[in-house]
Amino acid sequence: MSQRTGLSCTAKRLRYLIIDISIYKIVLGAIQGITEWLPISSQALVLVTNGIFDPDTSFGNLVYFALTLHLGTCLSSLIYYRSRIFKIFKNAFVSKSKSYHELVFYIITTISSFISALPIFIFIIFVDEISEMVGVIGMIVLGLIYLTGGIFQYFGAKRLNINITENRKLYYEYRDKDISNATNKDGIIIGLIQGFSIIPGMSRSGLTITSLLLRGFNKTESLNISFLLGIPVTLVAGVTGLIYLTEILFIDILAIIISFLIGYLSIKFFITMANKIEFYSFVIFLGLMVLVSSGIYLLIA
């Protein structure tokens, strides 16, 4: 009787453990879908969720699983921008076309990213370990720049008696670039900055959106380009996680699907929001997101 009771208790514990890990993976998939496109470190995402659920499984395997979730957000970006991507490759070989220009820009940006990321990666290998606090401090500085910049833009416009709503052309004339008038210099600078996201704690989205805004791109196009630049990065991350993951369960596939669905809806929401709110509000929003996520990381880590 006692043996049966023991087996029953073991079965219950195993069942609850499976349920806990399943909930953890589903929640992580949902969070991945939302935060992939925001200036938030994915490593912070894993640590925060891991700290809340404390699942009874190896942290290394959870990191590989978190990487695998990038396949979902990669697919969401591919689906959302399918028309733009198809148009790029359809007219890619038509010299001097907008699609050709855009493809060259992405190639230059990607190559520049590898150029800046490679020495940083080698340095990280040689020092064996680099504190994630370095990246987090960098993100906090970035968040403060966003926040103060947005506040100064708002009060500066008010002091100059500029009605932002009625004088949108005046207010945006120096930040109205889109991909059609992007230069090779833009691609090199944005790519070099994106490469720094290899530093633990740094956010790729945060760095690329910042560099695009500083180069004069409008807020909506800054998001579009940042999300498109994320496709090869998320694809590599997802495939890497898939290779090193010890096993793929049904719940893992479900979490990737959830990551895809929420990722797609998140892109749509952020683009719609960027179109509706003023530039200074958009910058303040980014600053608050960076500071809140960095603060949560510091509390959990």
C-alpha atoms as a PDB file:
ATOM      1  CA  MET A   1       0.000   0.000   0.000  1.00  0.00           C
ATOM      2  CA  SER A   2       2.809   2.376   0.981  1.00  0.00           C
ATOM      3  CA  GLN A   3       4.614   1.555  -2.267  1.00  0.00           C
ATOM      4  CA  ARG A   4       1.492   2.443  -4.267  1.00  0.00           C
ATOM      5  CA  THR A   5       1.122   5.671  -2.302  1.00  0.00           C
ATOM      6  CA  GLY A   6       4.759   6.516  -3.006  1.00  0.00           C
ATOM      7  CA  LEU A   7       4.332   5.859  -6.715  1.00  0.00           C
ATOM      8  CA  SER A   8       1.141   7.944  -6.742  1.00  0.00           C
ATOM      9  CA  CYS A   9       2.923  10.893  -5.060  1.00  0.00           C
ATOM     10  CA  THR A  10       5.814  10.604  -7.516  1.00  0.00           C
ATOM     11  CA  ALA A  11       3.388  10.587 -10.461  1.00  0.00           C
ATOM     12  CA  LYS A  12       1.613  13.669  -9.087  1.00  0.00           C
ATOM     13  CA  ARG A  13       4.885  15.534  -8.590  1.00  0.00           C
ATOM     14  CA  LEU A  14       5.949  14.618 -12.133  1.00  0.00           C
ATOM     15  CA  ARG A  15       2.602  15.779 -13.515  1.00  0.00           C
ATOM     16  CA  TYR A  16       2.812  19.115 -11.676  1.00  0.00           C
ATOM     17  CA  LEU A  17       6.427  19.532 -12.836  1.00  0.00           C
ATOM     18  CA  ILE A  18       5.403  18.995 -16.469  1.00  0.00           C
ATOM     19  CA  ILE A  19       2.543  21.503 -16.055  1.00  0.00           C
ATOM     20  CA  ASP A  20       4.884  24.083 -14.453  1.00  0.00           C
ATOM     21  CA  ILE A  21       7.464  23.779 -17.241  1.00  0.00           C
ATOM     22  CA  SER A  22       4.712  23.894 -19.889  1.00  0.00           C
ATOM     23  CA  ILE A  23       3.269  27.115 -18.428  1.00  0.00           C
ATOM     24  CA  TYR A  24       6.783  28.546 -18.192  1.00  0.00           C
ATOM     25  CA  LYS A  25       7.484  27.833 -21.863  1.00  0.00           C
ATOM     26  CA  ILE A  26       4.135  29.235 -23.030  1.00  0.00           C
ATOM     27  CA  VAL A  27       4.665  32.433 -20.998  1.00  0.00           C
ATOM     28  CA  LEU A  28       8.210  32.753 -22.344  1.00  0.00           C
ATOM     29  CA  GLY A  29       6.879  32.356 -25.898  1.00  0.00           C
ATOM     30  CA  ALA A  30       4.335  35.137 -25.294  1.00  0.00           C
ATOM     31  CA  ILE A  31       6.942  37.450 -23.744  1.00  0.00           C
ATOM     32  CA  GLN A  32       9.342  36.755 -26.616  1.00  0.00           C
ATOM     33  CA  GLY A  33       6.648  37.754 -29.112  1.00  0.00           C
ATOM     34  CA  ILE A  34       6.110  41.089 -27.365  1.00  0.00           C
ATOM     35  CA  THR A  35       9.633  42.075 -26.378  1.00  0.00           C
ATOM     36  CA  GLU A  36      11.573  41.004 -29.483  1.00  0.00           C
ATOM     37  CA  TRP A  37      10.665  44.305 -31.131  1.00  0.00           C
ATOM     38  CA  LEU A  38      11.269  46.489 -28.078  1.00  0.00           C
ATOM     39  CA  PRO A  39      14.598  47.847 -26.768  1.00  0.00           C
ATOM     40  CA  ILE A  40      14.804  45.106 -24.116  1.00  0.00           C
ATOM     41  CA  SER A  41      17.610  42.582 -23.615  1.00  0.00           C
ATOM     42  CA  SER A  42      16.534  39.004 -24.370  1.00  0.00           C
ATOM     43  CA  GLN A  43      18.893  37.771 -21.650  1.00  0.00           C
ATOM     44  CA  ALA A  44      16.978  39.872 -19.120  1.00  0.00           C
ATOM     45  CA  LEU A  45      13.795  38.268 -20.436  1.00  0.00           C
ATOM     46  CA  VAL A  46      15.123  34.767 -19.681  1.00  0.00           C
ATOM     47  CA  LEU A  47      16.408  35.705 -16.214  1.00  0.00           C
ATOM     48  CA  VAL A  48      13.212  37.491 -15.155  1.00  0.00           C
ATOM     49  CA  THR A  49      10.932  34.663 -16.270  1.00  0.00           C
ATOM     50  CA  ASN A  50      13.295  32.071 -14.824  1.00  0.00           C
ATOM     51  CA  GLY A  51      13.318  33.956 -11.503  1.00  0.00           C
ATOM     52  CA  ILE A  52       9.517  33.972 -11.342  1.00  0.00           C
ATOM     53  CA  PHE A  53       8.869  30.342 -12.301  1.00  0.00           C
ATOM     54  CA  ASP A  54      12.151  28.738 -11.167  1.00  0.00           C
ATOM     55  CA  PRO A  55      11.550  25.656 -13.385  1.00  0.00           C
ATOM     56  CA  ASP A  56      13.254  22.417 -12.386  1.00  0.00           C
ATOM     57  CA  THR A  57      15.399  22.107 -15.492  1.00  0.00           C
ATOM     58  CA  SER A  58      18.900  23.182 -16.530  1.00  0.00           C
ATOM     59  CA  PHE A  59      19.344  26.902 -17.178  1.00  0.00           C
ATOM     60  CA  GLY A  60      21.503  26.160 -20.223  1.00  0.00           C
ATOM     61  CA  ASN A  61      18.705  24.193 -21.855  1.00  0.00           C
ATOM     62  CA  LEU A  62      16.267  27.018 -21.096  1.00  0.00           C
ATOM     63  CA  VAL A  63      18.609  29.507 -22.783  1.00  0.00           C
ATOM     64  CA  TYR A  64      18.718  27.310 -25.903  1.00  0.00           C
ATOM     65  CA  PHE A  65      14.923  27.062 -25.774  1.00  0.00           C
ATOM     66  CA  ALA A  66      14.684  30.867 -25.502  1.00  0.00           C
ATOM     67  CA  LEU A  67      16.908  31.132 -28.589  1.00  0.00           C
ATOM     68  CA  THR A  68      14.662  28.674 -30.436  1.00  0.00           C
ATOM     69  CA  LEU A  69      11.684  30.973 -29.789  1.00  0.00           C
ATOM     70  CA  HIS A  70      13.337  33.472 -32.148  1.00  0.00           C
ATOM     71  CA  LEU A  71      12.112  31.245 -34.997  1.00  0.00           C
ATOM     72  CA  GLY A  72       8.583  32.370 -34.135  1.00  0.00           C
ATOM     73  CA  THR A  73       9.391  36.075 -34.148  1.00  0.00           C
ATOM     74  CA  CYS A  74      11.494  35.657 -37.300  1.00  0.00           C
ATOM     75  CA  LEU A  75       8.482  34.124 -39.040  1.00  0.00           C
ATOM     76  CA  SER A  76       6.189  36.888 -37.751  1.00  0.00           C
ATOM     77  CA  SER A  77       8.470  39.511 -39.302  1.00  0.00           C
ATOM     78  CA  LEU A  78       8.706  37.566 -42.568  1.00  0.00           C
ATOM     79  CA  ILE A  79       4.904  37.294 -42.785  1.00  0.00           C
ATOM     80  CA  TYR A  80       4.241  40.915 -41.806  1.00  0.00           C
ATOM     81  CA  TYR A  81       6.742  42.293 -44.326  1.00  0.00           C
ATOM     82  CA  ARG A  82       6.142  39.610 -46.978  1.00  0.00           C
ATOM     83  CA  SER A  83       5.031  42.125 -49.640  1.00  0.00           C
ATOM     84  CA  ARG A  84       8.011  44.402 -49.025  1.00  0.00           C
ATOM     85  CA  ILE A  85      10.467  41.473 -48.974  1.00  0.00           C
ATOM     86  CA  PHE A  86       8.966  39.975 -52.147  1.00  0.00           C
ATOM     87  CA  LYS A  87       9.205  43.345 -53.893  1.00  0.00           C
ATOM     88  CA  ILE A  88      12.852  43.745 -52.823  1.00  0.00           C
ATOM     89  CA  PHE A  89      13.902  40.410 -54.341  1.00  0.00           C
ATOM     90  CA  LYS A  90      11.639  40.759 -57.376  1.00  0.00           C
ATOM     91  CA  ASN A  91      13.296  44.025 -58.428  1.00  0.00           C
ATOM     92  CA  ALA A  92      16.656  43.462 -56.740  1.00  0.00           C
ATOM     93  CA  PHE A  93      18.564  43.212 -60.010  1.00  0.00           C
ATOM     94  CA  VAL A  94      16.983  46.276 -61.586  1.00  0.00           C
ATOM     95  CA  SER A  95      19.809  48.773 -61.190  1.00  0.00           C
ATOM     96  CA  LYS A  96      18.942  52.065 -59.474  1.00  0.00           C
ATOM     97  CA  SER A  97      15.467  50.848 -58.490  1.00  0.00           C
ATOM     98  CA  LYS A  98      14.192  51.457 -54.947  1.00  0.00           C
ATOM     99  CA  SER A  99      14.299  47.705 -54.228  1.00  0.00           C
ATOM    100  CA  TYR A 100      17.903  47.438 -55.427  1.00  0.00           C
ATOM    101  CA  HIS A 101      18.835  50.420 -53.266  1.00  0.00           C
ATOM    102  CA  GLU A 102      17.100  48.876 -50.236  1.00  0.00           C
ATOM    103  CA  LEU A 103      18.777  45.479 -50.698  1.00  0.00           C
ATOM    104  CA  VAL A 104      22.222  47.101 -50.987  1.00  0.00           C
ATOM    105  CA  PHE A 105      21.499  49.053 -47.796  1.00  0.00           C
ATOM    106  CA  TYR A 106      20.639  45.860 -45.867  1.00  0.00           C
ATOM    107  CA  ILE A 107      23.720  44.066 -47.213  1.00  0.00           C
ATOM    108  CA  ILE A 108      26.007  46.956 -46.196  1.00  0.00           C
ATOM    109  CA  THR A 109      24.367  47.120 -42.758  1.00  0.00           C
ATOM    110  CA  THR A 110      24.698  43.364 -42.177  1.00  0.00           C
ATOM    111  CA  ILE A 111      28.364  43.271 -43.275  1.00  0.00           C
ATOM    112  CA  SER A 112      29.121  46.278 -41.055  1.00  0.00           C
ATOM    113  CA  SER A 113      27.458  44.483 -38.133  1.00  0.00           C
ATOM    114  CA  PHE A 114      29.750  41.479 -38.563  1.00  0.00           C
ATOM    115  CA  ILE A 115      32.793  43.771 -38.796  1.00  0.00           C
ATOM    116  CA  SER A 116      32.056  45.398 -35.430  1.00  0.00           C
ATOM    117  CA  ALA A 117      30.704  42.252 -33.740  1.00  0.00           C
ATOM    118  CA  LEU A 118      33.674  39.990 -34.597  1.00  0.00           C
ATOM    119  CA  PRO A 119      36.372  41.744 -32.502  1.00  0.00           C
ATOM    120  CA  ILE A 120      33.913  42.112 -29.612  1.00  0.00           C
ATOM    121  CA  PHE A 121      33.098  38.392 -29.836  1.00  0.00           C
ATOM    122  CA  ILE A 122      36.819  37.478 -29.863  1.00  0.00           C
ATOM    123  CA  PHE A 123      37.399  39.753 -26.862  1.00  0.00           C
ATOM    124  CA  ILE A 124      34.544  38.078 -24.959  1.00  0.00           C
ATOM    125  CA  ILE A 125      36.055  34.641 -25.692  1.00  0.00           C
ATOM    126  CA  PHE A 126      39.530  35.683 -24.495  1.00  0.00           C
ATOM    127  CA  VAL A 127      38.335  37.282 -21.268  1.00  0.00           C
ATOM    128  CA  ASP A 128      36.210  34.139 -20.812  1.00  0.00           C
ATOM    129  CA  GLU A 129      33.373  36.101 -19.273  1.00  0.00           C
ATOM    130  CA  ILE A 130      32.074  39.629 -19.605  1.00  0.00           C
ATOM    131  CA  SER A 131      29.640  40.956 -17.045  1.00  0.00           C
ATOM    132  CA  GLU A 132      26.119  41.473 -18.351  1.00  0.00           C
ATOM    133  CA  MET A 133      26.091  44.563 -16.140  1.00  0.00           C
ATOM    134  CA  VAL A 134      28.180  46.315 -18.813  1.00  0.00           C
ATOM    135  CA  GLY A 135      25.377  45.899 -21.332  1.00  0.00           C
ATOM    136  CA  VAL A 136      22.672  46.772 -18.797  1.00  0.00           C
ATOM    137  CA  ILE A 137      24.456  49.997 -17.803  1.00  0.00           C
ATOM    138  CA  GLY A 138      24.736  50.838 -21.501  1.00  0.00           C
ATOM    139  CA  MET A 139      20.984  50.290 -21.912  1.00  0.00           C
ATOM    140  CA  ILE A 140      20.241  52.481 -18.869  1.00  0.00           C
ATOM    141  CA  VAL A 141      22.304  55.293 -20.428  1.00  0.00           C
ATOM    142  CA  LEU A 142      20.401  54.749 -23.684  1.00  0.00           C
ATOM    143  CA  GLY A 143      17.076  54.901 -21.828  1.00  0.00           C
ATOM    144  CA  LEU A 144      18.034  58.172 -20.129  1.00  0.00           C
ATOM    145  CA  ILE A 145      19.047  59.642 -23.501  1.00  0.00           C
ATOM    146  CA  TYR A 146      15.663  58.640 -24.954  1.00  0.00           C
ATOM    147  CA  LEU A 147      13.765  60.072 -21.985  1.00  0.00           C
ATOM    148  CA  THR A 148      15.595  63.395 -21.697  1.00  0.00           C
ATOM    149  CA  GLY A 149      15.648  63.815 -25.483  1.00  0.00           C
ATOM    150  CA  GLY A 150      11.880  63.319 -25.721  1.00  0.00           C
ATOM    151  CA  ILE A 151      11.192  65.719 -22.837  1.00  0.00           C
ATOM    152  CA  PHE A 152      13.483  68.418 -24.285  1.00  0.00           C
ATOM    153  CA  GLN A 153      11.835  68.047 -27.711  1.00  0.00           C
ATOM    154  CA  TYR A 154       8.392  68.518 -26.181  1.00  0.00           C
ATOM    155  CA  PHE A 155       9.251  71.576 -24.062  1.00  0.00           C
ATOM    156  CA  GLY A 156      11.451  72.997 -26.817  1.00  0.00           C
ATOM    157  CA  ALA A 157       8.532  72.921 -29.235  1.00  0.00           C
ATOM    158  CA  LYS A 158       6.238  74.494 -26.621  1.00  0.00           C
ATOM    159  CA  ARG A 159       8.749  77.272 -25.879  1.00  0.00           C
ATOM    160  CA  LEU A 160       9.069  78.089 -29.583  1.00  0.00           C
ATOM    161  CA  ASN A 161       5.239  78.160 -29.744  1.00  0.00           C
ATOM    162  CA  ILE A 162       5.235  75.412 -32.361  1.00  0.00           C
ATOM    163  CA  ASN A 163       1.890  73.681 -32.652  1.00  0.00           C
ATOM    164  CA  ILE A 164       3.239  70.215 -33.378  1.00  0.00           C
ATOM    165  CA  THR A 165      -0.058  68.922 -34.753  1.00  0.00           C
ATOM    166  CA  GLU A 166      -0.555  71.839 -37.166  1.00  0.00           C
ATOM    167  CA  ASN A 167       3.108  72.160 -38.159  1.00  0.00           C
ATOM    168  CA  ARG A 168       4.086  68.541 -38.657  1.00  0.00           C
ATOM    169  CA  LYS A 169       6.171  69.336 -41.744  1.00  0.00           C
ATOM    170  CA  LEU A 170       8.206  71.957 -39.851  1.00  0.00           C
ATOM    171  CA  TYR A 171       8.624  69.691 -36.821  1.00  0.00           C
ATOM    172  CA  TYR A 172       9.634  66.623 -38.819  1.00  0.00           C
ATOM    173  CA  GLU A 173      11.542  68.165 -41.729  1.00  0.00           C
ATOM    174  CA  TYR A 174      14.929  67.079 -40.340  1.00  0.00           C
ATOM    175  CA  ARG A 175      13.803  63.563 -39.402  1.00  0.00           C
ATOM    176  CA  ASP A 176      11.743  62.432 -42.353  1.00  0.00           C
ATOM    177  CA  LYS A 177      14.141  60.048 -44.106  1.00  0.00           C
ATOM    178  CA  ASP A 178      12.976  56.677 -45.310  1.00  0.00           C
ATOM    179  CA  ILE A 179      14.736  53.754 -46.967  1.00  0.00           C
ATOM    180  CA  SER A 180      14.551  55.399 -50.415  1.00  0.00           C
ATOM    181  CA  ASN A 181      17.021  58.137 -49.424  1.00  0.00           C
ATOM    182  CA  ALA A 182      19.188  56.073 -47.085  1.00  0.00           C
ATOM    183  CA  THR A 183      22.890  56.359 -47.884  1.00  0.00           C
ATOM    184  CA  ASN A 184      25.756  53.876 -47.727  1.00  0.00           C
ATOM    185  CA  LYS A 185      27.086  55.931 -44.814  1.00  0.00           C
ATOM    186  CA  ASP A 186      23.800  55.327 -42.975  1.00  0.00           C
ATOM    187  CA  GLY A 187      24.141  51.591 -43.562  1.00  0.00           C
ATOM    188  CA  ILE A 188      27.730  51.489 -42.292  1.00  0.00           C
ATOM    189  CA  ILE A 189      26.992  53.511 -39.136  1.00  0.00           C
ATOM    190  CA  ILE A 190      23.800  51.614 -38.282  1.00  0.00           C
ATOM    191  CA  GLY A 191      25.493  48.268 -38.960  1.00  0.00           C
ATOM    192  CA  LEU A 192      28.540  49.081 -36.823  1.00  0.00           C
ATOM    193  CA  ILE A 193      26.279  50.126 -33.941  1.00  0.00           C
ATOM    194  CA  GLN A 194      24.104  47.022 -34.338  1.00  0.00           C
ATOM    195  CA  GLY A 195      27.211  44.856 -33.933  1.00  0.00           C
ATOM    196  CA  PHE A 196      27.557  46.043 -30.320  1.00  0.00           C
ATOM    197  CA  SER A 197      24.376  44.127 -29.466  1.00  0.00           C
ATOM    198  CA  ILE A 198      26.606  41.042 -29.126  1.00  0.00           C
ATOM    199  CA  ILE A 199      27.587  42.438 -25.703  1.00  0.00           C
ATOM    200  CA  PRO A 200      25.552  40.599 -23.029  1.00  0.00           C
ATOM    201  CA  GLY A 201      22.696  42.768 -21.759  1.00  0.00           C
ATOM    202  CA  MET A 202      22.578  44.951 -24.882  1.00  0.00           C
ATOM    203  CA  SER A 203      19.422  45.153 -27.001  1.00  0.00           C
ATOM    204  CA  ARG A 204      19.702  44.941 -30.785  1.00  0.00           C
ATOM    205  CA  SER A 205      16.372  46.717 -31.296  1.00  0.00           C
ATOM    206  CA  GLY A 206      17.356  49.489 -28.897  1.00  0.00           C
ATOM    207  CA  LEU A 207      20.656  50.129 -30.661  1.00  0.00           C
ATOM    208  CA  THR A 208      19.285  50.007 -34.218  1.00  0.00           C
ATOM    209  CA  ILE A 209      16.223  52.163 -33.505  1.00  0.00           C
ATOM    210  CA  THR A 210      18.440  54.726 -31.759  1.00  0.00           C
ATOM    211  CA  SER A 211      20.963  54.856 -34.610  1.00  0.00           C
ATOM    212  CA  LEU A 212      18.181  55.143 -37.207  1.00  0.00           C
ATOM    213  CA  LEU A 213      16.516  58.011 -35.337  1.00  0.00           C
ATOM    214  CA  LEU A 214      19.870  59.784 -34.948  1.00  0.00           C
ATOM    215  CA  ARG A 215      20.479  59.414 -38.698  1.00  0.00           C
ATOM    216  CA  GLY A 216      17.229  61.301 -39.351  1.00  0.00           C
ATOM    217  CA  PHE A 217      14.853  58.450 -40.235  1.00  0.00           C
ATOM    218  CA  ASN A 218      11.225  58.972 -39.269  1.00  0.00           C
ATOM    219  CA  LYS A 219       9.893  56.916 -36.359  1.00  0.00           C
ATOM    220  CA  THR A 220       7.800  54.484 -38.426  1.00  0.00           C
ATOM    221  CA  GLU A 221      10.586  53.747 -40.898  1.00  0.00           C
ATOM    222  CA  SER A 222      13.031  53.361 -37.996  1.00  0.00           C
ATOM    223  CA  LEU A 223      10.840  50.564 -36.643  1.00  0.00           C
ATOM    224  CA  ASN A 224      10.362  48.996 -40.089  1.00  0.00           C
ATOM    225  CA  ILE A 225      14.087  48.917 -40.863  1.00  0.00           C
ATOM    226  CA  SER A 226      14.981  47.685 -37.372  1.00  0.00           C
ATOM    227  CA  PHE A 227      12.452  44.845 -37.634  1.00  0.00           C
ATOM    228  CA  LEU A 228      13.661  43.882 -41.123  1.00  0.00           C
ATOM    229  CA  LEU A 229      17.292  43.923 -39.973  1.00  0.00           C
ATOM    230  CA  GLY A 230      16.250  41.568 -37.187  1.00  0.00           C
ATOM    231  CA  ILE A 231      15.203  38.798 -39.602  1.00  0.00           C
ATOM    232  CA  PRO A 232      18.693  37.312 -40.258  1.00  0.00           C
ATOM    233  CA  VAL A 233      19.651  37.801 -36.594  1.00  0.00           C
ATOM    234  CA  THR A 234      16.561  36.034 -35.232  1.00  0.00           C
ATOM    235  CA  LEU A 235      16.925  33.287 -37.840  1.00  0.00           C
ATOM    236  CA  VAL A 236      20.521  32.552 -36.779  1.00  0.00           C
ATOM    237  CA  ALA A 237      19.546  32.679 -33.084  1.00  0.00           C
ATOM    238  CA  GLY A 238      16.603  30.329 -33.653  1.00  0.00           C
ATOM    239  CA  VAL A 239      18.589  27.791 -35.668  1.00  0.00           C
ATOM    240  CA  THR A 240      21.408  27.876 -33.075  1.00  0.00           C
ATOM    241  CA  GLY A 241      18.952  27.141 -30.279  1.00  0.00           C
ATOM    242  CA  LEU A 242      17.385  24.373 -32.335  1.00  0.00           C
ATOM    243  CA  ILE A 243      20.770  22.711 -32.916  1.00  0.00           C
ATOM    244  CA  TYR A 244      21.805  22.703 -29.253  1.00  0.00           C
ATOM    245  CA  LEU A 245      18.407  21.911 -27.736  1.00  0.00           C
ATOM    246  CA  THR A 246      18.500  18.330 -26.453  1.00  0.00           C
ATOM    247  CA  GLU A 247      14.911  17.541 -27.467  1.00  0.00           C
ATOM    248  CA  ILE A 248      11.902  19.174 -29.082  1.00  0.00           C
ATOM    249  CA  LEU A 249       8.569  18.557 -27.363  1.00  0.00           C
ATOM    250  CA  PHE A 250       5.048  19.435 -28.476  1.00  0.00           C
ATOM    251  CA  ILE A 251       4.946  22.240 -25.897  1.00  0.00           C
ATOM    252  CA  ASP A 252       8.108  23.711 -27.466  1.00  0.00           C
ATOM    253  CA  ILE A 253       6.431  23.844 -30.880  1.00  0.00           C
ATOM    254  CA  LEU A 254       3.321  25.392 -29.293  1.00  0.00           C
ATOM    255  CA  ALA A 255       5.473  28.062 -27.603  1.00  0.00           C
ATOM    256  CA  ILE A 256       7.117  28.904 -30.960  1.00  0.00           C
ATOM    257  CA  ILE A 257       3.650  29.250 -32.542  1.00  0.00           C
ATOM    258  CA  ILE A 258       2.565  31.552 -29.691  1.00  0.00           C
ATOM    259  CA  SER A 259       5.766  33.565 -30.171  1.00  0.00           C
ATOM    260  CA  PHE A 260       4.898  33.899 -33.876  1.00  0.00           C
ATOM    261  CA  LEU A 261       1.256  34.959 -33.328  1.00  0.00           C
ATOM    262  CA  ILE A 262       1.977  37.480 -30.579  1.00  0.00           C
ATOM    263  CA  GLY A 263       5.072  38.689 -32.444  1.00  0.00           C
ATOM    264  CA  TYR A 264       2.953  39.443 -35.522  1.00  0.00           C
ATOM    265  CA  LEU A 265       0.319  41.302 -33.489  1.00  0.00           C
ATOM    266  CA  SER A 266       3.058  43.202 -31.637  1.00  0.00           C
ATOM    267  CA  ILE A 267       4.651  44.445 -34.873  1.00  0.00           C
ATOM    268  CA  LYS A 268       1.244  45.609 -36.077  1.00  0.00           C
ATOM    269  CA  PHE A 269       0.559  47.367 -32.767  1.00  0.00           C
ATOM    270  CA  PHE A 270       3.939  49.140 -32.584  1.00  0.00           C
ATOM    271  CA  ILE A 271       3.780  50.343 -36.194  1.00  0.00           C
ATOM    272  CA  THR A 272       0.203  51.606 -35.700  1.00  0.00           C
ATOM    273  CA  MET A 273       1.192  53.334 -32.460  1.00  0.00           C
ATOM    274  CA  ALA A 274       4.223  54.978 -34.099  1.00  0.00           C
ATOM    275  CA  ASN A 275       1.965  56.360 -36.847  1.00  0.00           C
ATOM    276  CA  LYS A 276      -0.482  57.859 -34.349  1.00  0.00           C
ATOM    277  CA  ILE A 277       1.657  59.416 -31.613  1.00  0.00           C
ATOM    278  CA  GLU A 278       4.016  62.384 -31.814  1.00  0.00           C
ATOM    279  CA  PHE A 279       7.755  61.901 -32.168  1.00  0.00           C
ATOM    280  CA  TYR A 280       8.583  63.097 -28.644  1.00  0.00           C
ATOM    281  CA  SER A 281       5.956  60.706 -27.177  1.00  0.00           C
ATOM    282  CA  PHE A 282       7.484  57.850 -29.146  1.00  0.00           C
ATOM    283  CA  VAL A 283      10.983  58.656 -27.837  1.00  0.00           C
ATOM    284  CA  ILE A 284       9.748  58.982 -24.225  1.00  0.00           C
ATOM    285  CA  PHE A 285       7.932  55.631 -24.565  1.00  0.00           C
ATOM    286  CA  LEU A 286      11.144  53.936 -25.739  1.00  0.00           C
ATOM    287  CA  GLY A 287      13.082  55.498 -22.862  1.00  0.00           C
ATOM    288  CA  LEU A 288      10.605  54.278 -20.260  1.00  0.00           C
ATOM    289  CA  MET A 289      10.624  50.758 -21.736  1.00  0.00           C
ATOM    290  CA  VAL A 290      14.431  50.579 -21.589  1.00  0.00           C
ATOM    291  CA  LEU A 291      14.626  51.895 -18.019  1.00  0.00           C
ATOM    292  CA  VAL A 292      11.830  49.651 -16.705  1.00  0.00           C
ATOM    293  CA  SER A 293      13.289  46.497 -18.295  1.00  0.00           C
ATOM    294  CA  SER A 294      16.797  47.353 -17.051  1.00  0.00           C
ATOM    295  CA  GLY A 295      15.419  48.013 -13.562  1.00  0.00           C
ATOM    296  CA  ILE A 296      13.662  44.633 -13.506  1.00  0.00           C
ATOM    297  CA  TYR A 297      16.886  42.963 -14.611  1.00  0.00           C
ATOM    298  CA  LEU A 298      18.839  44.598 -11.766  1.00  0.00           C
ATOM    299  CA  LEU A 299      16.228  43.434  -9.237  1.00  0.00           C
ATOM    300  CA  ILE A 300      16.188  39.823 -10.466  1.00  0.00           C
ATOM    301  CA  ALA A 301      19.892  39.337 -11.308  1.00  0.00           C
END
